[in-house]
Amino acid sequence: MPLASFAIALAGVVVLCAGLPWAVACLLLPALEASPGARAVNWRGSEVMLGLGIVWMAWGGSALISAWLLEDLGSPSSVAAVLGTAGVLAVAASAFGLVDDAYGTGDARGFKGHLTALVRGRLTTGGLKLVGIGVASVAAARAVAGFAEWGESPIGVLAAGASVALSANLVNLLDLRPGRALKAYVVLALAGAVLVGLSAARVAGGSFVPVAALIGVALLGPAVACWRYDLGERAMLGDAGANAMGAVAGLAIVSALPLAGVVAFGAVALALNLLSERVSFSAVIERVRILAWLDGLGRPRSPDSPTGPHDDGASRYDGNGSAGDGSLEV
């Protein structure tokens, strides 16, 4: 990509994928604050706004336009395909998450609970999200299969789709403290940007830096827009944000991995999802000093903040709209 085209593309991505979500977040907060039904009590008893995850829907549209812009300016077709597909996936995952945020009751928990309810003829909002995000993830994997190393084989598409869905749920499980899911997303998004850049450079023979920079800026845009509200305990991302974040980051990662890497990534995501059924992530984080430091970095502190190792969010509302982090809510 010529330097002039890269500069134009970067400016466009900054405006569309960072500027627009930032503007949406700024305009959204006053509307949420004016709505009595958009309030909840967070993990330490503070009142916060619900609905911040809607920003990812706005980002989805911006990502689609950015994908068109990148392709028109000479970026590798694979990069535009990944970003455009990520935009559609973000809208779908956020929509299903928003339904669960608004109407979820928490009476059925985990894969087993939602599937059992479905067998008995009752579709829970968690079950709807499980099916919806699962189908959307497989469709997204199919959309980028032509540019991925694992190709268009059914095994590759299904493995990639499952990995994306598991990634969506994993980030959602981390949304139990302000900023925790967002920090995890930043790490995964940066990893995805690096992998996409390496893949594009290897396949197209171009430069790694422009592609990684464009994808990185695009993926981090909504995180920057929501950072101060989520970490500052003013609003919750909820399932609408956390599921979208995990799905988008997961898609970027699997699109640039070989089949063995996709399977390994999916296996780790599955193991962590299953582990959450028996182990409190919050308790583990609080016991490991470096994780506790990273988790609390930037978060406001107050004298009444619960810091004991046994506090796993079970007594207060958390970012998943559930009682604790031991739940599978794809």
Protein backbone atom coordinates (compact mmCIF):
# COMPACT_ATOMS: atom_id res chain seq x y z
CA MET A 1 0.00 0.00 0.00
CA PRO A 2 1.49 3.39 -1.00
CA LEU A 3 2.30 5.76 1.85
CA ALA A 4 -0.30 8.32 0.75
CA SER A 5 -3.02 5.65 0.58
CA PHE A 6 -2.00 4.34 3.98
CA ALA A 7 -2.23 7.81 5.52
CA ILE A 8 -5.72 8.33 4.07
CA ALA A 9 -6.82 4.86 5.17
CA LEU A 10 -5.47 5.36 8.69
CA ALA A 11 -7.22 8.71 9.03
CA GLY A 12 -10.47 7.18 7.81
CA VAL A 13 -10.23 4.24 10.20
CA VAL A 14 -9.49 6.57 13.13
CA VAL A 15 -12.54 8.71 12.34
CA LEU A 16 -14.90 5.80 11.61
CA CYS A 17 -13.81 3.14 14.10
CA ALA A 18 -12.67 5.35 16.97
CA GLY A 19 -14.25 8.77 16.48
CA LEU A 20 -17.78 7.59 15.72
CA PRO A 21 -17.96 5.08 18.63
CA TRP A 22 -16.57 7.79 20.92
CA ALA A 23 -19.29 10.21 19.80
CA VAL A 24 -21.96 7.52 20.26
CA ALA A 25 -20.71 6.78 23.79
CA CYS A 26 -20.74 10.48 24.70
CA LEU A 27 -24.29 10.90 23.42
CA LEU A 28 -25.50 7.58 24.83
CA LEU A 29 -24.57 8.17 28.47
CA PRO A 30 -26.95 11.14 29.02
CA ALA A 31 -29.78 9.12 27.49
CA LEU A 32 -29.05 6.16 29.76
CA GLU A 33 -28.79 8.41 32.81
CA ALA A 34 -32.23 9.82 32.01
CA SER A 35 -33.77 6.36 31.82
CA PRO A 36 -34.74 4.84 35.21
CA GLY A 37 -34.82 1.35 33.68
CA ALA A 38 -31.19 1.57 32.57
CA ARG A 39 -29.72 1.44 36.06
CA ALA A 40 -28.20 -1.38 38.07
CA VAL A 41 -26.07 -1.91 41.16
CA ASN A 42 -22.57 -3.14 40.43
CA TRP A 43 -20.20 -5.43 42.32
CA ARG A 44 -19.59 -3.04 45.22
CA GLY A 45 -22.98 -1.43 45.50
CA SER A 46 -22.50 1.57 43.22
CA GLU A 47 -25.28 2.55 40.84
CA VAL A 48 -24.21 2.43 37.20
CA MET A 49 -25.88 2.64 33.80
CA LEU A 50 -26.72 -0.37 31.64
CA GLY A 51 -26.37 -0.37 27.86
CA LEU A 52 -22.82 0.81 27.15
CA GLY A 53 -22.31 -2.26 24.96
CA ILE A 54 -24.56 -0.69 22.32
CA VAL A 55 -21.46 1.20 21.20
CA TRP A 56 -20.31 -2.03 19.53
CA MET A 57 -23.36 -1.93 17.25
CA ALA A 58 -22.31 1.50 16.03
CA TRP A 59 -18.77 0.23 15.58
CA GLY A 60 -20.08 -2.63 13.45
CA GLY A 61 -21.41 -0.21 10.86
CA SER A 62 -18.21 1.81 10.98
CA ALA A 63 -16.15 -1.34 10.42
CA LEU A 64 -18.16 -2.15 7.28
CA ILE A 65 -17.51 1.30 5.81
CA SER A 66 -13.85 1.09 6.83
CA ALA A 67 -13.53 -2.26 5.06
CA TRP A 68 -14.82 -0.71 1.84
CA LEU A 69 -12.40 2.20 2.28
CA LEU A 70 -9.40 -0.07 2.87
CA GLU A 71 -10.11 -2.21 -0.16
CA ASP A 72 -10.63 0.84 -2.35
CA LEU A 73 -7.28 2.27 -1.22
CA GLY A 74 -5.37 -0.88 -2.09
CA SER A 75 -5.27 -2.77 1.19
CA PRO A 76 -5.13 -6.58 0.85
CA SER A 77 -8.56 -8.06 0.23
CA SER A 78 -8.17 -10.36 3.23
CA VAL A 79 -7.82 -7.37 5.58
CA ALA A 80 -10.98 -5.72 4.28
CA ALA A 81 -12.82 -9.04 4.47
CA VAL A 82 -11.82 -9.63 8.09
CA LEU A 83 -12.76 -6.11 9.17
CA GLY A 84 -16.07 -6.07 7.29
CA THR A 85 -17.04 -9.51 8.59
CA ALA A 86 -16.06 -8.46 12.11
CA GLY A 87 -18.43 -5.51 11.79
CA VAL A 88 -21.40 -7.71 10.90
CA LEU A 89 -20.48 -10.18 13.64
CA ALA A 90 -20.25 -7.38 16.21
CA VAL A 91 -23.77 -6.21 15.40
CA ALA A 92 -25.17 -9.76 15.64
CA ALA A 93 -23.36 -10.65 18.89
CA SER A 94 -24.25 -7.32 20.47
CA ALA A 95 -27.92 -7.71 19.50
CA PHE A 96 -28.20 -11.19 21.03
CA GLY A 97 -26.35 -9.98 24.10
CA LEU A 98 -28.65 -7.00 24.43
CA VAL A 99 -31.69 -9.30 24.43
CA ASP A 100 -30.14 -11.28 27.28
CA ASP A 101 -29.27 -8.08 29.14
CA ALA A 102 -32.82 -6.79 28.84
CA TYR A 103 -34.87 -9.95 29.32
CA GLY A 104 -32.59 -12.55 30.91
CA THR A 105 -33.85 -14.00 34.19
CA GLY A 106 -30.88 -16.15 35.23
CA ASP A 107 -33.10 -19.15 36.02
CA ALA A 108 -31.12 -21.37 33.61
CA ARG A 109 -27.33 -21.28 33.75
CA GLY A 110 -24.55 -22.77 31.68
CA PHE A 111 -24.75 -24.78 28.48
CA LYS A 112 -26.48 -27.59 30.33
CA GLY A 113 -29.15 -25.33 31.81
CA HIS A 114 -30.00 -23.61 28.53
CA LEU A 115 -29.97 -26.82 26.48
CA THR A 116 -32.09 -28.63 29.07
CA ALA A 117 -34.64 -25.82 28.91
CA LEU A 118 -34.63 -26.05 25.11
CA VAL A 119 -35.24 -29.82 25.18
CA ARG A 120 -38.19 -29.17 27.47
CA GLY A 121 -39.63 -26.74 24.94
CA ARG A 122 -38.54 -23.47 26.53
CA LEU A 123 -36.10 -21.11 24.81
CA THR A 124 -34.26 -18.94 27.33
CA THR A 125 -32.58 -15.70 26.35
CA GLY A 126 -29.27 -17.39 27.14
CA GLY A 127 -30.23 -20.26 24.86
CA LEU A 128 -31.17 -17.81 22.12
CA LYS A 129 -27.80 -16.14 22.54
CA LEU A 130 -26.02 -19.51 22.49
CA VAL A 131 -27.63 -20.48 19.20
CA GLY A 132 -27.55 -17.00 17.66
CA ILE A 133 -23.91 -16.19 18.36
CA GLY A 134 -22.92 -19.75 17.46
CA VAL A 135 -24.57 -19.52 14.03
CA ALA A 136 -23.23 -15.99 13.47
CA SER A 137 -19.71 -17.16 14.37
CA VAL A 138 -19.81 -20.05 11.89
CA ALA A 139 -21.18 -17.71 9.20
CA ALA A 140 -18.37 -15.24 9.93
CA ALA A 141 -15.79 -18.01 9.71
CA ARG A 142 -17.25 -19.07 6.35
CA ALA A 143 -17.06 -15.47 5.12
CA VAL A 144 -13.29 -15.22 5.73
CA ALA A 145 -12.50 -18.84 4.84
CA GLY A 146 -11.34 -17.95 1.36
CA PHE A 147 -8.49 -15.87 2.81
CA ALA A 148 -7.63 -18.12 5.78
CA GLU A 149 -4.94 -20.80 5.84
CA TRP A 150 -7.47 -23.40 6.95
CA GLY A 151 -9.41 -22.82 3.75
CA GLU A 152 -13.06 -23.51 3.02
CA SER A 153 -13.21 -27.08 4.33
CA PRO A 154 -16.18 -27.78 6.62
CA ILE A 155 -13.82 -28.86 9.40
CA GLY A 156 -11.87 -25.63 9.23
CA VAL A 157 -14.99 -23.46 9.12
CA LEU A 158 -16.64 -25.28 12.02
CA ALA A 159 -13.47 -25.23 14.12
CA ALA A 160 -12.99 -21.51 13.49
CA GLY A 161 -16.67 -20.75 14.15
CA ALA A 162 -16.63 -22.68 17.42
CA SER A 163 -13.46 -20.88 18.50
CA VAL A 164 -15.03 -17.50 17.79
CA ALA A 165 -18.17 -18.37 19.78
CA LEU A 166 -16.10 -19.66 22.70
CA SER A 167 -14.00 -16.49 22.62
CA ALA A 168 -17.19 -14.42 22.76
CA ASN A 169 -18.33 -16.27 25.85
CA LEU A 170 -14.93 -16.19 27.52
CA VAL A 171 -14.70 -12.40 27.41
CA ASN A 172 -18.28 -12.25 28.67
CA LEU A 173 -17.30 -14.39 31.67
CA LEU A 174 -14.61 -11.87 32.53
CA ASP A 175 -17.06 -8.97 32.65
CA LEU A 176 -17.43 -9.17 36.43
CA ARG A 177 -15.41 -6.10 37.40
CA PRO A 178 -15.10 -2.68 35.75
CA GLY A 179 -12.53 -2.78 32.98
CA ARG A 180 -11.66 -6.48 33.28
CA ALA A 181 -13.30 -7.64 30.04
CA LEU A 182 -12.11 -4.51 28.26
CA LYS A 183 -8.50 -5.18 29.25
CA ALA A 184 -8.76 -8.78 28.09
CA TYR A 185 -10.23 -7.56 24.80
CA VAL A 186 -7.35 -5.14 24.25
CA VAL A 187 -4.84 -7.98 24.65
CA LEU A 188 -6.77 -10.27 22.28
CA ALA A 189 -7.38 -7.49 19.76
CA LEU A 190 -3.69 -6.57 19.64
CA ALA A 191 -2.82 -10.24 19.18
CA GLY A 192 -5.36 -10.42 16.35
CA ALA A 193 -3.95 -7.29 14.68
CA VAL A 194 -0.41 -8.69 14.81
CA LEU A 195 -1.51 -12.06 13.41
CA VAL A 196 -3.56 -10.50 10.60
CA GLY A 197 -0.61 -8.27 9.73
CA LEU A 198 1.78 -11.20 9.62
CA SER A 199 -0.64 -13.26 7.55
CA ALA A 200 -1.25 -10.47 5.05
CA ALA A 201 2.47 -9.83 4.70
CA ARG A 202 3.16 -13.51 4.16
CA VAL A 203 0.38 -14.08 1.62
CA ALA A 204 0.39 -10.76 -0.26
CA GLY A 205 4.08 -10.04 0.16
CA GLY A 206 3.38 -6.57 1.53
CA SER A 207 4.48 -4.77 4.65
CA PHE A 208 3.40 -6.00 8.08
CA VAL A 209 3.25 -2.60 9.78
CA PRO A 210 0.48 -0.86 7.74
CA VAL A 211 -1.91 -3.81 7.95
CA ALA A 212 -1.30 -4.41 11.67
CA ALA A 213 -1.70 -0.70 12.38
CA LEU A 214 -4.96 -0.38 10.46
CA ILE A 215 -6.51 -3.49 12.02
CA GLY A 216 -5.23 -2.56 15.47
CA VAL A 217 -6.68 0.96 15.34
CA ALA A 218 -9.98 -0.37 13.99
CA LEU A 219 -10.34 -3.03 16.70
CA LEU A 220 -9.27 -0.77 19.57
CA GLY A 221 -11.55 2.10 18.57
CA PRO A 222 -14.65 1.06 20.54
CA ALA A 223 -12.52 0.05 23.53
CA VAL A 224 -11.08 3.56 23.68
CA ALA A 225 -14.60 4.99 23.38
CA CYS A 226 -15.90 2.95 26.33
CA TRP A 227 -12.79 2.90 28.50
CA ARG A 228 -13.49 5.79 30.86
CA TYR A 229 -17.14 4.86 31.36
CA ASP A 230 -16.52 1.18 32.05
CA LEU A 231 -13.35 1.51 34.12
CA GLY A 232 -14.72 4.59 35.88
CA GLU A 233 -17.81 2.61 36.99
CA ARG A 234 -20.26 4.90 35.24
CA ALA A 235 -21.75 2.29 32.90
CA MET A 236 -21.68 -1.46 32.25
CA LEU A 237 -20.79 -3.09 28.96
CA GLY A 238 -23.08 -6.03 29.71
CA ASP A 239 -23.48 -8.98 27.38
CA ALA A 240 -24.12 -6.59 24.48
CA GLY A 241 -20.55 -5.35 24.75
CA ALA A 242 -18.64 -8.32 26.18
CA ASN A 243 -19.98 -10.89 23.71
CA ALA A 244 -19.29 -8.59 20.77
CA MET A 245 -15.75 -7.90 21.98
CA GLY A 246 -14.89 -11.57 22.35
CA ALA A 247 -16.38 -12.49 18.99
CA VAL A 248 -14.57 -9.72 17.10
CA ALA A 249 -11.19 -10.45 18.69
CA GLY A 250 -11.67 -14.18 18.22
CA LEU A 251 -12.47 -13.75 14.52
CA ALA A 252 -9.35 -11.65 13.93
CA ILE A 253 -7.19 -14.29 15.63
CA VAL A 254 -8.57 -17.40 13.93
CA SER A 255 -8.63 -15.75 10.49
CA ALA A 256 -4.83 -15.54 10.56
CA LEU A 257 -3.99 -18.93 12.12
CA PRO A 258 -3.41 -22.30 10.49
CA LEU A 259 -5.91 -25.04 11.33
CA ALA A 260 -3.71 -26.39 14.13
CA GLY A 261 -3.55 -22.93 15.67
CA VAL A 262 -7.32 -22.51 15.41
CA VAL A 263 -7.87 -25.85 17.15
CA ALA A 264 -5.37 -24.92 19.88
CA PHE A 265 -6.99 -21.52 20.41
CA GLY A 266 -10.45 -23.09 20.54
CA ALA A 267 -9.25 -25.78 22.96
CA VAL A 268 -7.85 -23.18 25.36
CA ALA A 269 -11.04 -21.11 25.13
CA LEU A 270 -13.16 -24.22 25.76
CA ALA A 271 -11.04 -25.27 28.73
CA LEU A 272 -11.34 -21.84 30.33
CA ASN A 273 -15.09 -21.78 29.70
CA LEU A 274 -15.52 -25.16 31.37
CA LEU A 275 -13.16 -24.21 34.19
CA SER A 276 -15.36 -21.25 35.01
CA GLU A 277 -18.10 -23.72 36.01
CA ARG A 278 -16.02 -24.83 38.99
CA VAL A 279 -13.50 -22.08 39.65
CA SER A 280 -14.12 -18.42 40.39
CA PHE A 281 -11.98 -16.32 38.08
CA SER A 282 -12.38 -13.40 40.46
CA ALA A 283 -10.98 -15.41 43.36
CA VAL A 284 -8.01 -16.58 41.27
CA ILE A 285 -7.25 -13.05 40.09
CA GLU A 286 -7.38 -11.72 43.65
CA ARG A 287 -4.97 -14.39 44.87
CA VAL A 288 -2.34 -13.82 42.16
CA ARG A 289 -0.64 -10.51 42.91
CA ILE A 290 0.26 -9.48 39.36
CA LEU A 291 -3.22 -10.35 38.08
CA ALA A 292 -4.83 -8.45 40.95
CA TRP A 293 -2.67 -5.42 40.18
CA LEU A 294 -3.51 -5.50 36.48
CA ASP A 295 -7.19 -6.06 37.23
CA GLY A 296 -7.40 -3.05 39.53
CA LEU A 297 -5.25 -0.78 37.38
CA GLY A 298 -7.14 2.42 36.65
CA ARG A 299 -10.19 1.41 38.67
CA PRO A 300 -11.41 3.90 41.30
CA ARG A 301 -11.09 2.64 44.85
CA SER A 302 -13.23 3.34 47.88
CA PRO A 303 -12.94 2.29 51.53
CA ASP A 304 -15.96 -0.02 51.26
CA SER A 305 -14.64 -1.95 48.24
CA PRO A 306 -14.80 -5.69 48.86
CA THR A 307 -11.28 -7.08 48.59
CA GLY A 308 -11.51 -10.44 50.32
CA PRO A 309 -10.44 -13.52 48.41
CA HIS A 310 -13.88 -15.08 48.73
CA ASP A 311 -15.74 -12.22 47.06
CA ASP A 312 -16.62 -13.57 43.61
CA GLY A 313 -19.39 -11.15 42.76
CA ALA A 314 -22.10 -13.57 43.88
CA SER A 315 -23.79 -11.05 46.14
CA ARG A 316 -23.95 -8.18 43.72
CA TYR A 317 -24.91 -7.49 40.13
CA ASP A 318 -22.09 -8.15 37.73
CA GLY A 319 -21.39 -7.31 34.12
CA ASN A 320 -22.94 -10.54 32.87
CA GLY A 321 -26.30 -9.83 34.42
CA SER A 322 -25.71 -12.94 36.51
CA ALA A 323 -24.72 -13.83 40.02
CA GLY A 324 -21.13 -14.87 39.49
CA ASP A 325 -18.48 -15.86 37.01
CA GLY A 326 -19.19 -19.58 37.00
CA SER A 327 -21.71 -19.43 34.20
CA LEU A 328 -21.57 -20.27 30.52
CA GLU A 329 -23.69 -17.73 28.75
CA VAL A 330 -22.60 -17.82 25.11
